[in-house]
């Protein structure tokens, strides 16, 4: 263990991640982290069910055109 009073040097920032992070809504992340893992999993299942329904509706729309 170092006895130096120097603080560790943080790793360099990745410019790609910096650009992407400006568009991240951190409030949504914080709200999601307030949920239990079970609640998060249930929300994910609902999201996947909705995505499947949208995909099914899109296929039905293509078949009627």
PDB file of N, CA and C in Angstrom:
ATOM      1  N   UNK A   1       0.841  -1.175   0.000  1.00  0.00           N
ATOM      2  CA  UNK A   1       0.000   0.000   0.000  1.00  0.00           C
ATOM      3  C   UNK A   1       0.886   1.238   0.000  1.00  0.00           C
ATOM      4  N   UNK A   2       0.509   2.211  -0.798  1.00  0.00           N
ATOM      5  CA  UNK A   2       1.310   3.412  -0.936  1.00  0.00           C
ATOM      6  C   UNK A   2       1.062   4.356   0.238  1.00  0.00           C
ATOM      7  N   UNK A   3       2.119   4.968   0.694  1.00  0.00           N
ATOM      8  CA  UNK A   3       1.983   5.943   1.777  1.00  0.00           C
ATOM      9  C   UNK A   3       2.000   7.366   1.230  1.00  0.00           C
ATOM     10  N   UNK A   4       1.988   7.490  -0.080  1.00  0.00           N
ATOM     11  CA  UNK A   4       2.025   8.794  -0.728  1.00  0.00           C
ATOM     12  C   UNK A   4       0.705   9.528  -0.515  1.00  0.00           C
ATOM     13  N   UNK A   5       0.773  10.843  -0.480  1.00  0.00           N
ATOM     14  CA  UNK A   5      -0.433  11.657  -0.345  1.00  0.00           C
ATOM     15  C   UNK A   5      -1.055  11.998  -1.697  1.00  0.00           C
ATOM     16  N   UNK A   6      -0.491  11.446  -2.763  1.00  0.00           N
ATOM     17  CA  UNK A   6      -1.004  11.718  -4.101  1.00  0.00           C
ATOM     18  C   UNK A   6      -2.276  10.911  -4.360  1.00  0.00           C
ATOM     19  N   UNK A   7      -3.206  11.553  -5.048  1.00  0.00           N
ATOM     20  CA  UNK A   7      -4.437  10.865  -5.435  1.00  0.00           C
ATOM     21  C   UNK A   7      -4.174  10.034  -6.683  1.00  0.00           C
ATOM     22  N   UNK A   8      -4.884   8.926  -6.853  1.00  0.00           N
ATOM     23  CA  UNK A   8      -4.690   8.128  -8.064  1.00  0.00           C
ATOM     24  C   UNK A   8      -5.124   8.912  -9.294  1.00  0.00           C
ATOM     25  N   UNK A   9      -4.476   8.660 -10.394  1.00  0.00           N
ATOM     26  CA  UNK A   9      -4.792   9.337 -11.653  1.00  0.00           C
ATOM     27  C   UNK A   9      -5.969   8.608 -12.294  1.00  0.00           C
ATOM     28  N   UNK A  10      -7.057   9.333 -12.616  1.00  0.00           N
ATOM     29  CA  UNK A  10      -8.191   8.655 -13.255  1.00  0.00           C
ATOM     30  C   UNK A  10      -7.820   8.233 -14.678  1.00  0.00           C
ATOM     31  N   UNK A  11      -8.449   7.173 -15.171  1.00  0.00           N
ATOM     32  CA  UNK A  11      -8.147   6.744 -16.542  1.00  0.00           C
ATOM     33  C   UNK A  11      -8.598   7.811 -17.535  1.00  0.00           C
ATOM     34  N   UNK A  12      -7.984   7.851 -18.706  1.00  0.00           N
ATOM     35  CA  UNK A  12      -8.393   8.849 -19.708  1.00  0.00           C
ATOM     36  C   UNK A  12      -9.827   8.595 -20.152  1.00  0.00           C
ATOM     37  N   UNK A  13     -10.530   9.667 -20.493  1.00  0.00           N
ATOM     38  CA  UNK A  13     -11.920   9.537 -20.926  1.00  0.00           C
ATOM     39  C   UNK A  13     -11.967   9.129 -22.390  1.00  0.00           C
ATOM     40  N   UNK A  14     -12.876   8.217 -22.693  1.00  0.00           N
ATOM     41  CA  UNK A  14     -13.077   7.762 -24.065  1.00  0.00           C
ATOM     42  C   UNK A  14     -13.962   8.781 -24.772  1.00  0.00           C
ATOM     43  N   UNK A  15     -13.501   9.395 -25.866  1.00  0.00           N
ATOM     44  CA  UNK A  15     -14.298  10.429 -26.540  1.00  0.00           C
ATOM     45  C   UNK A  15     -15.631   9.908 -27.076  1.00  0.00           C
ATOM     46  N   UNK A  16     -15.674   8.663 -27.489  1.00  0.00           N
ATOM     47  CA  UNK A  16     -16.929   8.096 -28.005  1.00  0.00           C
ATOM     48  C   UNK A  16     -17.956   8.007 -26.877  1.00  0.00           C
ATOM     49  N   UNK A  17     -17.526   7.517 -25.723  1.00  0.00           N
ATOM     50  CA  UNK A  17     -18.439   7.408 -24.580  1.00  0.00           C
ATOM     51  C   UNK A  17     -18.885   8.791 -24.130  1.00  0.00           C
ATOM     52  N   UNK A  18     -18.006   9.750 -24.149  1.00  0.00           N
ATOM     53  CA  UNK A  18     -18.358  11.117 -23.762  1.00  0.00           C
ATOM     54  C   UNK A  18     -19.459  11.671 -24.659  1.00  0.00           C
ATOM     55  N   UNK A  19     -19.379  11.425 -25.962  1.00  0.00           N
ATOM     56  CA  UNK A  19     -20.402  11.902 -26.902  1.00  0.00           C
ATOM     57  C   UNK A  19     -21.735  11.217 -26.625  1.00  0.00           C
ATOM     58  N   UNK A  20     -21.701   9.906 -26.390  1.00  0.00           N
ATOM     59  CA  UNK A  20     -22.939   9.165 -26.150  1.00  0.00           C
ATOM     60  C   UNK A  20     -23.575   9.526 -24.811  1.00  0.00           C
ATOM     61  N   UNK A  21     -22.774   9.788 -23.800  1.00  0.00           N
ATOM     62  CA  UNK A  21     -23.290  10.067 -22.466  1.00  0.00           C
ATOM     63  C   UNK A  21     -24.101  11.356 -22.397  1.00  0.00           C
ATOM     64  N   UNK A  22     -23.855  12.299 -23.300  1.00  0.00           N
ATOM     65  CA  UNK A  22     -24.606  13.554 -23.238  1.00  0.00           C
ATOM     66  C   UNK A  22     -26.092  13.334 -23.536  1.00  0.00           C
ATOM     67  N   UNK A  23     -26.431  12.236 -24.185  1.00  0.00           N
ATOM     68  CA  UNK A  23     -27.821  11.942 -24.527  1.00  0.00           C
ATOM     69  C   UNK A  23     -28.477  10.952 -23.579  1.00  0.00           C
ATOM     70  N   UNK A  24     -27.796  10.536 -22.537  1.00  0.00           N
ATOM     71  CA  UNK A  24     -28.350   9.565 -21.589  1.00  0.00           C
ATOM     72  C   UNK A  24     -29.193  10.303 -20.546  1.00  0.00           C
ATOM     73  N   UNK A  25     -30.428   9.841 -20.372  1.00  0.00           N
ATOM     74  CA  UNK A  25     -31.309  10.414 -19.360  1.00  0.00           C
ATOM     75  C   UNK A  25     -31.034   9.706 -18.044  1.00  0.00           C
ATOM     76  N   UNK A  26     -30.256  10.321 -17.213  1.00  0.00           N
ATOM     77  CA  UNK A  26     -29.854   9.683 -15.954  1.00  0.00           C
ATOM     78  C   UNK A  26     -31.016   9.555 -14.971  1.00  0.00           C
ATOM     79  N   UNK A  27     -32.049  10.383 -15.123  1.00  0.00           N
ATOM     80  CA  UNK A  27     -33.195  10.264 -14.216  1.00  0.00           C
ATOM     81  C   UNK A  27     -33.890   8.920 -14.416  1.00  0.00           C
ATOM     82  N   UNK A  28     -33.968   8.465 -15.663  1.00  0.00           N
ATOM     83  CA  UNK A  28     -34.583   7.157 -15.919  1.00  0.00           C
ATOM     84  C   UNK A  28     -33.743   6.031 -15.325  1.00  0.00           C
ATOM     85  N   UNK A  29     -32.431   6.166 -15.415  1.00  0.00           N
ATOM     86  CA  UNK A  29     -31.556   5.158 -14.818  1.00  0.00           C
ATOM     87  C   UNK A  29     -31.739   5.113 -13.308  1.00  0.00           C
ATOM     88  N   UNK A  30     -31.796   6.282 -12.686  1.00  0.00           N
ATOM     89  CA  UNK A  30     -31.960   6.333 -11.226  1.00  0.00           C
ATOM     90  C   UNK A  30     -33.293   5.717 -10.807  1.00  0.00           C
ATOM     91  N   UNK A  31     -34.360   6.044 -11.537  1.00  0.00           N
ATOM     92  CA  UNK A  31     -35.680   5.490 -11.201  1.00  0.00           C
ATOM     93  C   UNK A  31     -35.674   3.973 -11.356  1.00  0.00           C
ATOM     94  N   UNK A  32     -35.031   3.477 -12.396  1.00  0.00           N
ATOM     95  CA  UNK A  32     -34.976   2.033 -12.608  1.00  0.00           C
ATOM     96  C   UNK A  32     -34.186   1.342 -11.499  1.00  0.00           C
ATOM     97  N   UNK A  33     -33.131   1.986 -11.016  1.00  0.00           N
ATOM     98  CA  UNK A  33     -32.322   1.382  -9.961  1.00  0.00           C
ATOM     99  C   UNK A  33     -33.025   1.385  -8.603  1.00  0.00           C
ATOM    100  N   UNK A  34     -34.089   2.150  -8.475  1.00  0.00           N
ATOM    101  CA  UNK A  34     -34.881   2.123  -7.240  1.00  0.00           C
ATOM    102  C   UNK A  34     -35.741   0.865  -7.161  1.00  0.00           C
ATOM    103  N   UNK A  35     -35.947   0.216  -8.306  1.00  0.00           N
ATOM    104  CA  UNK A  35     -36.771  -0.990  -8.354  1.00  0.00           C
ATOM    105  C   UNK A  35     -35.958  -2.194  -7.891  1.00  0.00           C
ATOM    106  N   UNK A  36     -36.666  -3.211  -7.434  1.00  0.00           N
ATOM    107  CA  UNK A  36     -35.991  -4.459  -7.091  1.00  0.00           C
ATOM    108  C   UNK A  36     -35.626  -5.176  -8.389  1.00  0.00           C
ATOM    109  N   UNK A  37     -34.698  -6.111  -8.337  1.00  0.00           N
ATOM    110  CA  UNK A  37     -34.382  -6.875  -9.550  1.00  0.00           C
ATOM    111  C   UNK A  37     -35.611  -7.572 -10.131  1.00  0.00           C
ATOM    112  N   UNK A  38     -36.495  -8.068  -9.266  1.00  0.00           N
ATOM    113  CA  UNK A  38     -37.714  -8.720  -9.747  1.00  0.00           C
ATOM    114  C   UNK A  38     -38.607  -7.721 -10.493  1.00  0.00           C
ATOM    115  N   UNK A  39     -38.745  -6.518  -9.960  1.00  0.00           N
ATOM    116  CA  UNK A  39     -39.561  -5.496 -10.630  1.00  0.00           C
ATOM    117  C   UNK A  39     -38.950  -5.113 -11.975  1.00  0.00           C
ATOM    118  N   UNK A  40     -37.641  -5.011 -12.025  1.00  0.00           N
ATOM    119  CA  UNK A  40     -36.974  -4.685 -13.295  1.00  0.00           C
ATOM    120  C   UNK A  40     -37.190  -5.796 -14.317  1.00  0.00           C
ATOM    121  N   UNK A  41     -37.108  -7.035 -13.861  1.00  0.00           N
ATOM    122  CA  UNK A  41     -37.317  -8.168 -14.772  1.00  0.00           C
ATOM    123  C   UNK A  41     -38.751  -8.171 -15.301  1.00  0.00           C
ATOM    124  N   UNK A  42     -39.712  -7.880 -14.426  1.00  0.00           N
ATOM    125  CA  UNK A  42     -41.113  -7.837 -14.867  1.00  0.00           C
ATOM    126  C   UNK A  42     -41.332  -6.728 -15.900  1.00  0.00           C
ATOM    127  N   UNK A  43     -40.707  -5.582 -15.683  1.00  0.00           N
ATOM    128  CA  UNK A  43     -40.824  -4.492 -16.664  1.00  0.00           C
ATOM    129  C   UNK A  43     -40.203  -4.896 -17.999  1.00  0.00           C
ATOM    130  N   UNK A  44     -39.080  -5.602 -17.940  1.00  0.00           N
ATOM    131  CA  UNK A  44     -38.431  -6.055 -19.166  1.00  0.00           C
ATOM    132  C   UNK A  44     -39.334  -7.018 -19.927  1.00  0.00           C
ATOM    133  N   UNK A  45     -39.973  -7.930 -19.208  1.00  0.00           N
ATOM    134  CA  UNK A  45     -40.881  -8.878 -19.853  1.00  0.00           C
ATOM    135  C   UNK A  45     -42.019  -8.126 -20.534  1.00  0.00           C
ATOM    136  N   UNK A  46     -42.594  -7.124 -19.856  1.00  0.00           N
ATOM    137  CA  UNK A  46     -43.668  -6.326 -20.460  1.00  0.00           C
ATOM    138  C   UNK A  46     -43.186  -5.613 -21.712  1.00  0.00           C
ATOM    139  N   UNK A  47     -41.972  -5.078 -21.660  1.00  0.00           N
ATOM    140  CA  UNK A  47     -41.405  -4.384 -22.815  1.00  0.00           C
ATOM    141  C   UNK A  47     -41.230  -5.352 -23.984  1.00  0.00           C
ATOM    142  N   UNK A  48     -40.722  -6.544 -23.701  1.00  0.00           N
ATOM    143  CA  UNK A  48     -40.538  -7.534 -24.760  1.00  0.00           C
ATOM    144  C   UNK A  48     -41.873  -7.983 -25.345  1.00  0.00           C
ATOM    145  N   UNK A  49     -42.888  -8.131 -24.500  1.00  0.00           N
ATOM    146  CA  UNK A  49     -44.220  -8.506 -24.990  1.00  0.00           C
ATOM    147  C   UNK A  49     -44.766  -7.417 -25.903  1.00  0.00           C
ATOM    148  N   UNK A  50     -44.572  -6.157 -25.534  1.00  0.00           N
ATOM    149  CA  UNK A  50     -45.033  -5.046 -26.370  1.00  0.00           C
ATOM    150  C   UNK A  50     -44.282  -5.040 -27.699  1.00  0.00           C
ATOM    151  N   UNK A  51     -42.973  -5.284 -27.661  1.00  0.00           N
ATOM    152  CA  UNK A  51     -42.179  -5.316 -28.897  1.00  0.00           C
ATOM    153  C   UNK A  51     -42.657  -6.429 -29.822  1.00  0.00           C
ATOM    154  N   UNK A  52     -42.966  -7.589 -29.244  1.00  0.00           N
ATOM    155  CA  UNK A  52     -43.494  -8.698 -30.049  1.00  0.00           C
ATOM    156  C   UNK A  52     -44.833  -8.328 -30.673  1.00  0.00           C
ATOM    157  N   UNK A  53     -45.683  -7.642 -29.916  1.00  0.00           N
ATOM    158  CA  UNK A  53     -46.989  -7.231 -30.435  1.00  0.00           C
ATOM    159  C   UNK A  53     -46.824  -6.229 -31.579  1.00  0.00           C
ATOM    160  N   UNK A  54     -45.910  -5.274 -31.422  1.00  0.00           N
ATOM    161  CA  UNK A  54     -45.655  -4.318 -32.508  1.00  0.00           C
ATOM    162  C   UNK A  54     -45.125  -5.022 -33.748  1.00  0.00           C
ATOM    163  N   UNK A  55     -44.227  -5.977 -33.559  1.00  0.00           N
ATOM    164  CA  UNK A  55     -43.687  -6.724 -34.694  1.00  0.00           C
ATOM    165  C   UNK A  55     -44.789  -7.512 -35.388  1.00  0.00           C
ATOM    166  N   UNK A  56     -45.657  -8.136 -34.598  1.00  0.00           N
ATOM    167  CA  UNK A  56     -46.774  -8.899 -35.157  1.00  0.00           C
ATOM    168  C   UNK A  56     -47.709  -7.980 -35.939  1.00  0.00           C
ATOM    169  N   UNK A  57     -48.005  -6.811 -35.402  1.00  0.00           N
ATOM    170  CA  UNK A  57     -48.870  -5.853 -36.087  1.00  0.00           C
ATOM    171  C   UNK A  57     -48.226  -5.397 -37.395  1.00  0.00           C
ATOM    172  N   UNK A  58     -46.908  -5.186 -37.371  1.00  0.00           N
ATOM    173  CA  UNK A  58     -46.206  -4.786 -38.593  1.00  0.00           C
ATOM    174  C   UNK A  58     -46.275  -5.857 -39.661  1.00  0.00           C
ATOM    175  N   UNK A  59     -46.101  -7.128 -39.261  1.00  0.00           N
ATOM    176  CA  UNK A  59     -46.204  -8.219 -40.226  1.00  0.00           C
ATOM    177  C   UNK A  59     -47.604  -8.322 -40.794  1.00  0.00           C
ATOM    178  N   UNK A  60     -48.619  -8.141 -39.928  1.00  0.00           N
ATOM    179  CA  UNK A  60     -50.008  -8.196 -40.404  1.00  0.00           C
ATOM    180  C   UNK A  60     -50.286  -7.062 -41.371  1.00  0.00           C
ATOM    181  N   UNK A  61     -49.737  -5.901 -41.107  1.00  0.00           N
ATOM    182  CA  UNK A  61     -49.920  -4.751 -41.994  1.00  0.00           C
ATOM    183  C   UNK A  61     -49.280  -5.011 -43.359  1.00  0.00           C
ATOM    184  N   UNK A  62     -48.100  -5.626 -43.361  1.00  0.00           N
ATOM    185  CA  UNK A  62     -47.425  -5.949 -44.614  1.00  0.00           C
ATOM    186  C   UNK A  62     -48.225  -6.964 -45.414  1.00  0.00           C
ATOM    187  N   UNK A  63     -48.849  -7.915 -44.745  1.00  0.00           N
ATOM    188  CA  UNK A  63     -49.606  -8.964 -45.426  1.00  0.00           C
ATOM    189  C   UNK A  63     -50.904  -8.446 -46.017  1.00  0.00           C
ATOM    190  N   UNK A  64     -51.435  -7.322 -45.519  1.00  0.00           N
ATOM    191  CA  UNK A  64     -52.686  -6.801 -46.044  1.00  0.00           C
ATOM    192  C   UNK A  64     -52.461  -5.780 -47.155  1.00  0.00           C
ATOM    193  N   UNK A  65     -51.210  -5.398 -47.382  1.00  0.00           N
ATOM    194  CA  UNK A  65     -50.912  -4.377 -48.418  1.00  0.00           C
ATOM    195  C   UNK A  65     -50.857  -5.000 -49.786  1.00  0.00           C
TER     196      UNK A  65
END
